[in-house]
Amino acid sequence: MKAELILKDRHIISETSFVELIVWRLPTPLSGSRHNFKYRLAFIVESVCVLRYDNQTGKGDHKHIGDKEMPYEFTTPKILIQDFWKDVDDWRR
């Protein structure tokens, strides 16, 4: 099985901000992850990434909020996207 792109989407939030969602299904887990997904979800405001969820090879699942990086407990792609949108909403308040 090859890597399969299962989501690639961009949502314009305002004139100065957007969200980009990219999720791949992989044949085997990345080093540091226990699931078969590779993802990058980003919220960009005025050309700056202010919120990002990703799972780099060797680093595992984590998220960045501003300058802070913290672990993220991945369960399913659906919950990943729900958690991300909740953080986007929280950031915008």
PDB file of N, CA and C in Angstrom:
ATOM      1  N   MET A   1       0.840  -1.192   0.000  1.00  0.00           N
ATOM      2  CA  MET A   1       0.000   0.000   0.000  1.00  0.00           C
ATOM      3  C   MET A   1       0.878   1.246   0.000  1.00  0.00           C
ATOM      4  N   LYS A   2       0.555   2.187  -0.845  1.00  0.00           N
ATOM      5  CA  LYS A   2       1.225   3.482  -0.874  1.00  0.00           C
ATOM      6  C   LYS A   2       0.547   4.414   0.131  1.00  0.00           C
ATOM      7  N   ALA A   3       1.233   5.503   0.441  1.00  0.00           N
ATOM      8  CA  ALA A   3       0.593   6.543   1.247  1.00  0.00           C
ATOM      9  C   ALA A   3      -0.610   7.074   0.473  1.00  0.00           C
ATOM     10  N   GLU A   4      -1.702   7.331   1.194  1.00  0.00           N
ATOM     11  CA  GLU A   4      -2.935   7.792   0.568  1.00  0.00           C
ATOM     12  C   GLU A   4      -3.353   9.119   1.193  1.00  0.00           C
ATOM     13  N   LEU A   5      -3.451  10.143   0.368  1.00  0.00           N
ATOM     14  CA  LEU A   5      -3.930  11.441   0.840  1.00  0.00           C
ATOM     15  C   LEU A   5      -5.421  11.322   1.126  1.00  0.00           C
ATOM     16  N   ILE A   6      -5.818  11.539   2.381  1.00  0.00           N
ATOM     17  CA  ILE A   6      -7.242  11.423   2.711  1.00  0.00           C
ATOM     18  C   ILE A   6      -7.899  12.780   2.976  1.00  0.00           C
ATOM     19  N   LEU A   7      -7.097  13.821   3.189  1.00  0.00           N
ATOM     20  CA  LEU A   7      -7.658  15.161   3.373  1.00  0.00           C
ATOM     21  C   LEU A   7      -6.618  16.201   2.990  1.00  0.00           C
ATOM     22  N   LYS A   8      -7.008  17.106   2.131  1.00  0.00           N
ATOM     23  CA  LYS A   8      -6.193  18.283   1.822  1.00  0.00           C
ATOM     24  C   LYS A   8      -7.178  19.408   1.572  1.00  0.00           C
ATOM     25  N   ASP A   9      -7.239  20.342   2.511  1.00  0.00           N
ATOM     26  CA  ASP A   9      -8.255  21.376   2.448  1.00  0.00           C
ATOM     27  C   ASP A   9      -7.704  22.681   3.000  1.00  0.00           C
ATOM     28  N   ARG A  10      -8.214  23.767   2.486  1.00  0.00           N
ATOM     29  CA  ARG A  10      -7.865  25.095   2.990  1.00  0.00           C
ATOM     30  C   ARG A  10      -9.161  25.860   3.218  1.00  0.00           C
ATOM     31  N   HIS A  11      -9.262  26.461   4.400  1.00  0.00           N
ATOM     32  CA  HIS A  11     -10.433  27.259   4.758  1.00  0.00           C
ATOM     33  C   HIS A  11      -9.980  28.690   5.020  1.00  0.00           C
ATOM     34  N   ILE A  12     -10.553  29.622   4.300  1.00  0.00           N
ATOM     35  CA  ILE A  12     -10.274  31.035   4.541  1.00  0.00           C
ATOM     36  C   ILE A  12     -11.108  31.466   5.743  1.00  0.00           C
ATOM     37  N   ILE A  13     -10.431  31.985   6.761  1.00  0.00           N
ATOM     38  CA  ILE A  13     -11.112  32.422   7.981  1.00  0.00           C
ATOM     39  C   ILE A  13     -11.431  33.916   7.908  1.00  0.00           C
ATOM     40  N   SER A  14     -10.478  34.692   7.402  1.00  0.00           N
ATOM     41  CA  SER A  14     -10.663  36.133   7.248  1.00  0.00           C
ATOM     42  C   SER A  14      -9.714  36.604   6.143  1.00  0.00           C
ATOM     43  N   GLU A  15      -9.665  37.891   5.922  1.00  0.00           N
ATOM     44  CA  GLU A  15      -8.738  38.429   4.916  1.00  0.00           C
ATOM     45  C   GLU A  15      -7.288  38.170   5.273  1.00  0.00           C
ATOM     46  N   THR A  16      -7.006  37.930   6.558  1.00  0.00           N
ATOM     47  CA  THR A  16      -5.619  37.769   6.998  1.00  0.00           C
ATOM     48  C   THR A  16      -5.333  36.409   7.632  1.00  0.00           C
ATOM     49  N   SER A  17      -6.284  35.473   7.544  1.00  0.00           N
ATOM     50  CA  SER A  17      -6.045  34.184   8.190  1.00  0.00           C
ATOM     51  C   SER A  17      -6.706  33.034   7.426  1.00  0.00           C
ATOM     52  N   PHE A  18      -6.097  31.852   7.553  1.00  0.00           N
ATOM     53  CA  PHE A  18      -6.653  30.655   6.935  1.00  0.00           C
ATOM     54  C   PHE A  18      -6.197  29.427   7.714  1.00  0.00           C
ATOM     55  N   VAL A  19      -6.881  28.324   7.470  1.00  0.00           N
ATOM     56  CA  VAL A  19      -6.545  27.030   8.053  1.00  0.00           C
ATOM     57  C   VAL A  19      -6.197  26.092   6.905  1.00  0.00           C
ATOM     58  N   GLU A  20      -5.143  25.300   7.087  1.00  0.00           N
ATOM     59  CA  GLU A  20      -4.783  24.267   6.121  1.00  0.00           C
ATOM     60  C   GLU A  20      -4.772  22.919   6.837  1.00  0.00           C
ATOM     61  N   LEU A  21      -5.462  21.937   6.260  1.00  0.00           N
ATOM     62  CA  LEU A  21      -5.591  20.601   6.840  1.00  0.00           C
ATOM     63  C   LEU A  21      -5.048  19.577   5.846  1.00  0.00           C
ATOM     64  N   ILE A  22      -4.046  18.803   6.252  1.00  0.00           N
ATOM     65  CA  ILE A  22      -3.481  17.753   5.403  1.00  0.00           C
ATOM     66  C   ILE A  22      -3.330  16.498   6.243  1.00  0.00           C
ATOM     67  N   VAL A  23      -3.931  15.392   5.768  1.00  0.00           N
ATOM     68  CA  VAL A  23      -3.849  14.108   6.469  1.00  0.00           C
ATOM     69  C   VAL A  23      -3.589  13.008   5.439  1.00  0.00           C
ATOM     70  N   TRP A  24      -2.583  12.175   5.726  1.00  0.00           N
ATOM     71  CA  TRP A  24      -2.240  11.016   4.901  1.00  0.00           C
ATOM     72  C   TRP A  24      -2.456   9.740   5.706  1.00  0.00           C
ATOM     73  N   ARG A  25      -2.882   8.685   5.045  1.00  0.00           N
ATOM     74  CA  ARG A  25      -2.885   7.342   5.639  1.00  0.00           C
ATOM     75  C   ARG A  25      -1.626   6.653   5.111  1.00  0.00           C
ATOM     76  N   LEU A  26      -0.821   6.123   6.011  1.00  0.00           N
ATOM     77  CA  LEU A  26       0.454   5.501   5.650  1.00  0.00           C
ATOM     78  C   LEU A  26       0.370   3.982   5.749  1.00  0.00           C
ATOM     79  N   PRO A  27       1.241   3.285   5.029  1.00  0.00           N
ATOM     80  CA  PRO A  27       1.247   1.824   5.142  1.00  0.00           C
ATOM     81  C   PRO A  27       1.719   1.346   6.517  1.00  0.00           C
ATOM     82  N   THR A  28       2.600   2.115   7.162  1.00  0.00           N
ATOM     83  CA  THR A  28       3.101   1.785   8.503  1.00  0.00           C
ATOM     84  C   THR A  28       3.230   3.075   9.304  1.00  0.00           C
ATOM     85  N   PRO A  29       3.181   2.988  10.631  1.00  0.00           N
ATOM     86  CA  PRO A  29       3.308   4.202  11.448  1.00  0.00           C
ATOM     87  C   PRO A  29       4.664   4.878  11.278  1.00  0.00           C
ATOM     88  N   LEU A  30       4.676   6.190  11.432  1.00  0.00           N
ATOM     89  CA  LEU A  30       5.927   6.942  11.492  1.00  0.00           C
ATOM     90  C   LEU A  30       6.639   6.602  12.793  1.00  0.00           C
ATOM     91  N   SER A  31       7.933   6.717  12.794  1.00  0.00           N
ATOM     92  CA  SER A  31       8.696   6.562  14.029  1.00  0.00           C
ATOM     93  C   SER A  31       8.191   7.596  15.034  1.00  0.00           C
ATOM     94  N   GLY A  32       7.834   7.141  16.238  1.00  0.00           N
ATOM     95  CA  GLY A  32       7.319   8.033  17.272  1.00  0.00           C
ATOM     96  C   GLY A  32       5.803   8.047  17.368  1.00  0.00           C
ATOM     97  N   SER A  33       5.110   7.439  16.390  1.00  0.00           N
ATOM     98  CA  SER A  33       3.640   7.381  16.399  1.00  0.00           C
ATOM     99  C   SER A  33       3.178   5.934  16.443  1.00  0.00           C
ATOM    100  N   ARG A  34       1.981   5.711  16.998  1.00  0.00           N
ATOM    101  CA  ARG A  34       1.415   4.363  17.089  1.00  0.00           C
ATOM    102  C   ARG A  34       0.248   4.162  16.128  1.00  0.00           C
ATOM    103  N   HIS A  35       0.094   5.039  15.162  1.00  0.00           N
ATOM    104  CA  HIS A  35      -1.010   4.970  14.208  1.00  0.00           C
ATOM    105  C   HIS A  35      -0.459   5.180  12.800  1.00  0.00           C
ATOM    106  N   ASN A  36      -1.293   4.914  11.811  1.00  0.00           N
ATOM    107  CA  ASN A  36      -0.850   4.981  10.414  1.00  0.00           C
ATOM    108  C   ASN A  36      -1.239   6.292   9.721  1.00  0.00           C
ATOM    109  N   PHE A  37      -1.168   7.394  10.431  1.00  0.00           N
ATOM    110  CA  PHE A  37      -1.521   8.677   9.827  1.00  0.00           C
ATOM    111  C   PHE A  37      -0.366   9.658   9.961  1.00  0.00           C
ATOM    112  N   LYS A  38      -0.184  10.460   8.926  1.00  0.00           N
ATOM    113  CA  LYS A  38       0.751  11.582   8.932  1.00  0.00           C
ATOM    114  C   LYS A  38      -0.107  12.808   8.720  1.00  0.00           C
ATOM    115  N   TYR A  39       0.061  13.833   9.548  1.00  0.00           N
ATOM    116  CA  TYR A  39      -0.820  14.992   9.440  1.00  0.00           C
ATOM    117  C   TYR A  39      -0.091  16.295   9.733  1.00  0.00           C
ATOM    118  N   ARG A  40      -0.659  17.351   9.179  1.00  0.00           N
ATOM    119  CA  ARG A  40      -0.229  18.717   9.471  1.00  0.00           C
ATOM    120  C   ARG A  40      -1.471  19.588   9.367  1.00  0.00           C
ATOM    121  N   LEU A  41      -1.886  20.138  10.479  1.00  0.00           N
ATOM    122  CA  LEU A  41      -3.033  21.043  10.535  1.00  0.00           C
ATOM    123  C   LEU A  41      -2.506  22.382  11.027  1.00  0.00           C
ATOM    124  N   ALA A  42      -2.725  23.437  10.275  1.00  0.00           N
ATOM    125  CA  ALA A  42      -2.118  24.722  10.634  1.00  0.00           C
ATOM    126  C   ALA A  42      -3.137  25.849  10.538  1.00  0.00           C
ATOM    127  N   PHE A  43      -3.019  26.776  11.470  1.00  0.00           N
ATOM    128  CA  PHE A  43      -3.807  28.010  11.469  1.00  0.00           C
ATOM    129  C   PHE A  43      -2.814  29.152  11.289  1.00  0.00           C
ATOM    130  N   ILE A  44      -2.962  29.883  10.178  1.00  0.00           N
ATOM    131  CA  ILE A  44      -2.035  30.954   9.810  1.00  0.00           C
ATOM    132  C   ILE A  44      -2.756  32.295   9.943  1.00  0.00           C
ATOM    133  N   VAL A  45      -2.132  33.213  10.673  1.00  0.00           N
ATOM    134  CA  VAL A  45      -2.682  34.553  10.860  1.00  0.00           C
ATOM    135  C   VAL A  45      -1.607  35.561  10.474  1.00  0.00           C
ATOM    136  N   GLU A  46      -1.924  36.431   9.514  1.00  0.00           N
ATOM    137  CA  GLU A  46      -0.975  37.446   9.038  1.00  0.00           C
ATOM    138  C   GLU A  46       0.371  36.815   8.703  1.00  0.00           C
ATOM    139  N   SER A  47       0.329  35.719   7.964  1.00  0.00           N
ATOM    140  CA  SER A  47       1.511  34.985   7.465  1.00  0.00           C
ATOM    141  C   SER A  47       2.331  34.292   8.554  1.00  0.00           C
ATOM    142  N   VAL A  48       1.784  34.176   9.762  1.00  0.00           N
ATOM    143  CA  VAL A  48       2.471  33.504  10.865  1.00  0.00           C
ATOM    144  C   VAL A  48       1.645  32.295  11.306  1.00  0.00           C
ATOM    145  N   CYS A  49       2.314  31.152  11.442  1.00  0.00           N
ATOM    146  CA  CYS A  49       1.635  29.963  11.937  1.00  0.00           C
ATOM    147  C   CYS A  49       1.480  30.102  13.451  1.00  0.00           C
ATOM    148  N   VAL A  50       0.251  30.302  13.909  1.00  0.00           N
ATOM    149  CA  VAL A  50       0.005  30.519  15.336  1.00  0.00           C
ATOM    150  C   VAL A  50      -0.452  29.248  16.042  1.00  0.00           C
ATOM    151  N   LEU A  51      -0.867  28.239  15.248  1.00  0.00           N
ATOM    152  CA  LEU A  51      -1.349  26.977  15.809  1.00  0.00           C
ATOM    153  C   LEU A  51      -1.067  25.877  14.801  1.00  0.00           C
ATOM    154  N   ARG A  52      -0.445  24.780  15.265  1.00  0.00           N
ATOM    155  CA  ARG A  52      -0.153  23.670  14.362  1.00  0.00           C
ATOM    156  C   ARG A  52      -0.192  22.354  15.114  1.00  0.00           C
ATOM    157  N   TYR A  53      -0.837  21.368  14.523  1.00  0.00           N
ATOM    158  CA  TYR A  53      -0.793  19.990  15.009  1.00  0.00           C
ATOM    159  C   TYR A  53      -0.022  19.215  13.950  1.00  0.00           C
ATOM    160  N   ASP A  54       0.946  18.405  14.371  1.00  0.00           N
ATOM    161  CA  ASP A  54       1.668  17.580  13.412  1.00  0.00           C
ATOM    162  C   ASP A  54       2.347  16.412  14.106  1.00  0.00           C
ATOM    163  N   ASN A  55       2.872  15.507  13.299  1.00  0.00           N
ATOM    164  CA  ASN A  55       3.599  14.363  13.839  1.00  0.00           C
ATOM    165  C   ASN A  55       4.814  14.080  12.954  1.00  0.00           C
ATOM    166  N   GLN A  56       5.887  14.768  13.234  1.00  0.00           N
ATOM    167  CA  GLN A  56       7.139  14.583  12.519  1.00  0.00           C
ATOM    168  C   GLN A  56       7.716  13.201  12.811  1.00  0.00           C
ATOM    169  N   THR A  57       8.442  12.664  11.839  1.00  0.00           N
ATOM    170  CA  THR A  57       9.131  11.394  12.045  1.00  0.00           C
ATOM    171  C   THR A  57      10.056  11.515  13.249  1.00  0.00           C
ATOM    172  N   GLY A  58       9.947  10.558  14.179  1.00  0.00           N
ATOM    173  CA  GLY A  58      10.799  10.535  15.362  1.00  0.00           C
ATOM    174  C   GLY A  58      10.312  11.403  16.504  1.00  0.00           C
ATOM    175  N   LYS A  59       9.476  12.373  16.213  1.00  0.00           N
ATOM    176  CA  LYS A  59       9.010  13.294  17.249  1.00  0.00           C
ATOM    177  C   LYS A  59       7.634  12.912  17.782  1.00  0.00           C
ATOM    178  N   GLY A  60       6.841  12.231  16.979  1.00  0.00           N
ATOM    179  CA  GLY A  60       5.516  11.810  17.415  1.00  0.00           C
ATOM    180  C   GLY A  60       4.491  12.918  17.366  1.00  0.00           C
ATOM    181  N   ASP A  61       3.338  12.640  17.934  1.00  0.00           N
ATOM    182  CA  ASP A  61       2.197  13.550  17.900  1.00  0.00           C
ATOM    183  C   ASP A  61       2.399  14.709  18.870  1.00  0.00           C
ATOM    184  N   HIS A  62       2.199  15.925  18.355  1.00  0.00           N
ATOM    185  CA  HIS A  62       2.335  17.098  19.215  1.00  0.00           C
ATOM    186  C   HIS A  62       1.613  18.277  18.567  1.00  0.00           C
ATOM    187  N   LYS A  63       1.489  19.348  19.338  1.00  0.00           N
ATOM    188  CA  LYS A  63       0.896  20.567  18.808  1.00  0.00           C
ATOM    189  C   LYS A  63       1.699  21.769  19.268  1.00  0.00           C
ATOM    190  N   HIS A  64       1.593  22.825  18.482  1.00  0.00           N
ATOM    191  CA  HIS A  64       2.251  24.097  18.772  1.00  0.00           C
ATOM    192  C   HIS A  64       1.151  25.136  18.923  1.00  0.00           C
ATOM    193  N   ILE A  65       1.177  25.840  20.022  1.00  0.00           N
ATOM    194  CA  ILE A  65       0.268  26.962  20.227  1.00  0.00           C
ATOM    195  C   ILE A  65       1.157  28.159  20.518  1.00  0.00           C
ATOM    196  N   GLY A  66       1.200  29.081  19.568  1.00  0.00           N
ATOM    197  CA  GLY A  66       2.160  30.175  19.679  1.00  0.00           C
ATOM    198  C   GLY A  66       3.555  29.589  19.685  1.00  0.00           C
ATOM    199  N   ASP A  67       4.376  29.983  20.652  1.00  0.00           N
ATOM    200  CA  ASP A  67       5.747  29.490  20.765  1.00  0.00           C
ATOM    201  C   ASP A  67       5.857  28.221  21.603  1.00  0.00           C
ATOM    202  N   LYS A  68       4.744  27.739  22.145  1.00  0.00           N
ATOM    203  CA  LYS A  68       4.780  26.566  23.015  1.00  0.00           C
ATOM    204  C   LYS A  68       4.498  25.293  22.223  1.00  0.00           C
ATOM    205  N   GLU A  69       5.252  24.241  22.539  1.00  0.00           N
ATOM    206  CA  GLU A  69       5.021  22.931  21.950  1.00  0.00           C
ATOM    207  C   GLU A  69       4.641  21.969  23.065  1.00  0.00           C
ATOM    208  N   MET A  70       3.627  21.134  22.800  1.00  0.00           N
ATOM    209  CA  MET A  70       3.179  20.185  23.818  1.00  0.00           C
ATOM    210  C   MET A  70       2.743  18.892  23.149  1.00  0.00           C
ATOM    211  N   PRO A  71       2.780  17.784  23.886  1.00  0.00           N
ATOM    212  CA  PRO A  71       2.328  16.512  23.305  1.00  0.00           C
ATOM    213  C   PRO A  71       0.854  16.560  22.951  1.00  0.00           C
ATOM    214  N   TYR A  72       0.468  15.753  21.985  1.00  0.00           N
ATOM    215  CA  TYR A  72      -0.934  15.604  21.620  1.00  0.00           C
ATOM    216  C   TYR A  72      -1.238  14.113  21.596  1.00  0.00           C
ATOM    217  N   GLU A  73      -2.338  13.707  22.206  1.00  0.00           N
ATOM    218  CA  GLU A  73      -2.751  12.301  22.259  1.00  0.00           C
ATOM    219  C   GLU A  73      -3.683  12.007  21.084  1.00  0.00           C
ATOM    220  N   PHE A  74      -3.133  11.470  20.007  1.00  0.00           N
ATOM    221  CA  PHE A  74      -3.916  11.140  18.821  1.00  0.00           C
ATOM    222  C   PHE A  74      -4.796   9.921  19.090  1.00  0.00           C
ATOM    223  N   THR A  75      -6.076   9.997  18.670  1.00  0.00           N
ATOM    224  CA  THR A  75      -6.967   8.837  18.767  1.00  0.00           C
ATOM    225  C   THR A  75      -7.499   8.464  17.387  1.00  0.00           C
ATOM    226  N   THR A  76      -8.163   9.408  16.709  1.00  0.00           N
ATOM    227  CA  THR A  76      -8.672   9.179  15.363  1.00  0.00           C
ATOM    228  C   THR A  76      -8.527  10.475  14.555  1.00  0.00           C
ATOM    229  N   PRO A  77      -8.519  10.366  13.216  1.00  0.00           N
ATOM    230  CA  PRO A  77      -8.474  11.600  12.423  1.00  0.00           C
ATOM    231  C   PRO A  77      -9.648  12.531  12.706  1.00  0.00           C
ATOM    232  N   LYS A  78     -10.838  11.978  12.919  1.00  0.00           N
ATOM    233  CA  LYS A  78     -12.011  12.801  13.197  1.00  0.00           C
ATOM    234  C   LYS A  78     -11.829  13.621  14.471  1.00  0.00           C
ATOM    235  N   ILE A  79     -11.361  12.978  15.529  1.00  0.00           N
ATOM    236  CA  ILE A  79     -11.147  13.686  16.802  1.00  0.00           C
ATOM    237  C   ILE A  79      -9.987  14.672  16.684  1.00  0.00           C
ATOM    238  N   LEU A  80      -8.948  14.315  15.939  1.00  0.00           N
ATOM    239  CA  LEU A  80      -7.833  15.233  15.680  1.00  0.00           C
ATOM    240  C   LEU A  80      -8.359  16.544  15.098  1.00  0.00           C
ATOM    241  N   ILE A  81      -9.189  16.444  14.084  1.00  0.00           N
ATOM    242  CA  ILE A  81      -9.719  17.640  13.425  1.00  0.00           C
ATOM    243  C   ILE A  81     -10.651  18.412  14.361  1.00  0.00           C
ATOM    244  N   GLN A  82     -11.464  17.715  15.143  1.00  0.00           N
ATOM    245  CA  GLN A  82     -12.327  18.397  16.120  1.00  0.00           C
ATOM    246  C   GLN A  82     -11.491  19.143  17.152  1.00  0.00           C
ATOM    247  N   ASP A  83     -10.434  18.499  17.674  1.00  0.00           N
ATOM    248  CA  ASP A  83      -9.560  19.147  18.663  1.00  0.00           C
ATOM    249  C   ASP A  83      -8.883  20.382  18.068  1.00  0.00           C
ATOM    250  N   PHE A  84      -8.425  20.246  16.834  1.00  0.00           N
ATOM    251  CA  PHE A  84      -7.761  21.361  16.167  1.00  0.00           C
ATOM    252  C   PHE A  84      -8.717  22.552  16.022  1.00  0.00           C
ATOM    253  N   TRP A  85      -9.944  22.305  15.512  1.00  0.00           N
ATOM    254  CA  TRP A  85     -10.896  23.398  15.340  1.00  0.00           C
ATOM    255  C   TRP A  85     -11.270  24.039  16.672  1.00  0.00           C
ATOM    256  N   LYS A  86     -11.329  23.254  17.732  1.00  0.00           N
ATOM    257  CA  LYS A  86     -11.596  23.827  19.056  1.00  0.00           C
ATOM    258  C   LYS A  86     -10.484  24.798  19.440  1.00  0.00           C
ATOM    259  N   ASP A  87      -9.225  24.398  19.201  1.00  0.00           N
ATOM    260  CA  ASP A  87      -8.103  25.300  19.504  1.00  0.00           C
ATOM    261  C   ASP A  87      -8.122  26.541  18.615  1.00  0.00           C
ATOM    262  N   VAL A  88      -8.510  26.385  17.352  1.00  0.00           N
ATOM    263  CA  VAL A  88      -8.640  27.559  16.472  1.00  0.00           C
ATOM    264  C   VAL A  88      -9.690  28.510  17.052  1.00  0.00           C
ATOM    265  N   ASP A  89     -10.838  27.963  17.429  1.00  0.00           N
ATOM    266  CA  ASP A  89     -11.891  28.800  18.022  1.00  0.00           C
ATOM    267  C   ASP A  89     -11.407  29.487  19.288  1.00  0.00           C
ATOM    268  N   ASP A  90     -10.702  28.746  20.147  1.00  0.00           N
ATOM    269  CA  ASP A  90     -10.164  29.336  21.391  1.00  0.00           C
ATOM    270  C   ASP A  90      -9.181  30.461  21.079  1.00  0.00           C
ATOM    271  N   TRP A  91      -8.333  30.270  20.091  1.00  0.00           N
ATOM    272  CA  TRP A  91      -7.332  31.285  19.709  1.00  0.00           C
ATOM    273  C   TRP A  91      -8.023  32.560  19.238  1.00  0.00           C
ATOM    274  N   ARG A  92      -9.126  32.406  18.517  1.00  0.00           N
ATOM    275  CA  ARG A  92      -9.806  33.553  17.923  1.00  0.00           C
ATOM    276  C   ARG A  92     -10.618  34.361  18.925  1.00  0.00           C
ATOM    277  N   ARG A  93     -10.847  33.831  20.123  1.00  0.00           N
ATOM    278  CA  ARG A  93     -11.638  34.560  21.138  1.00  0.00           C
ATOM    279  C   ARG A  93     -10.841  35.597  21.839  1.00  0.00           C
TER     280      ARG A  93
END
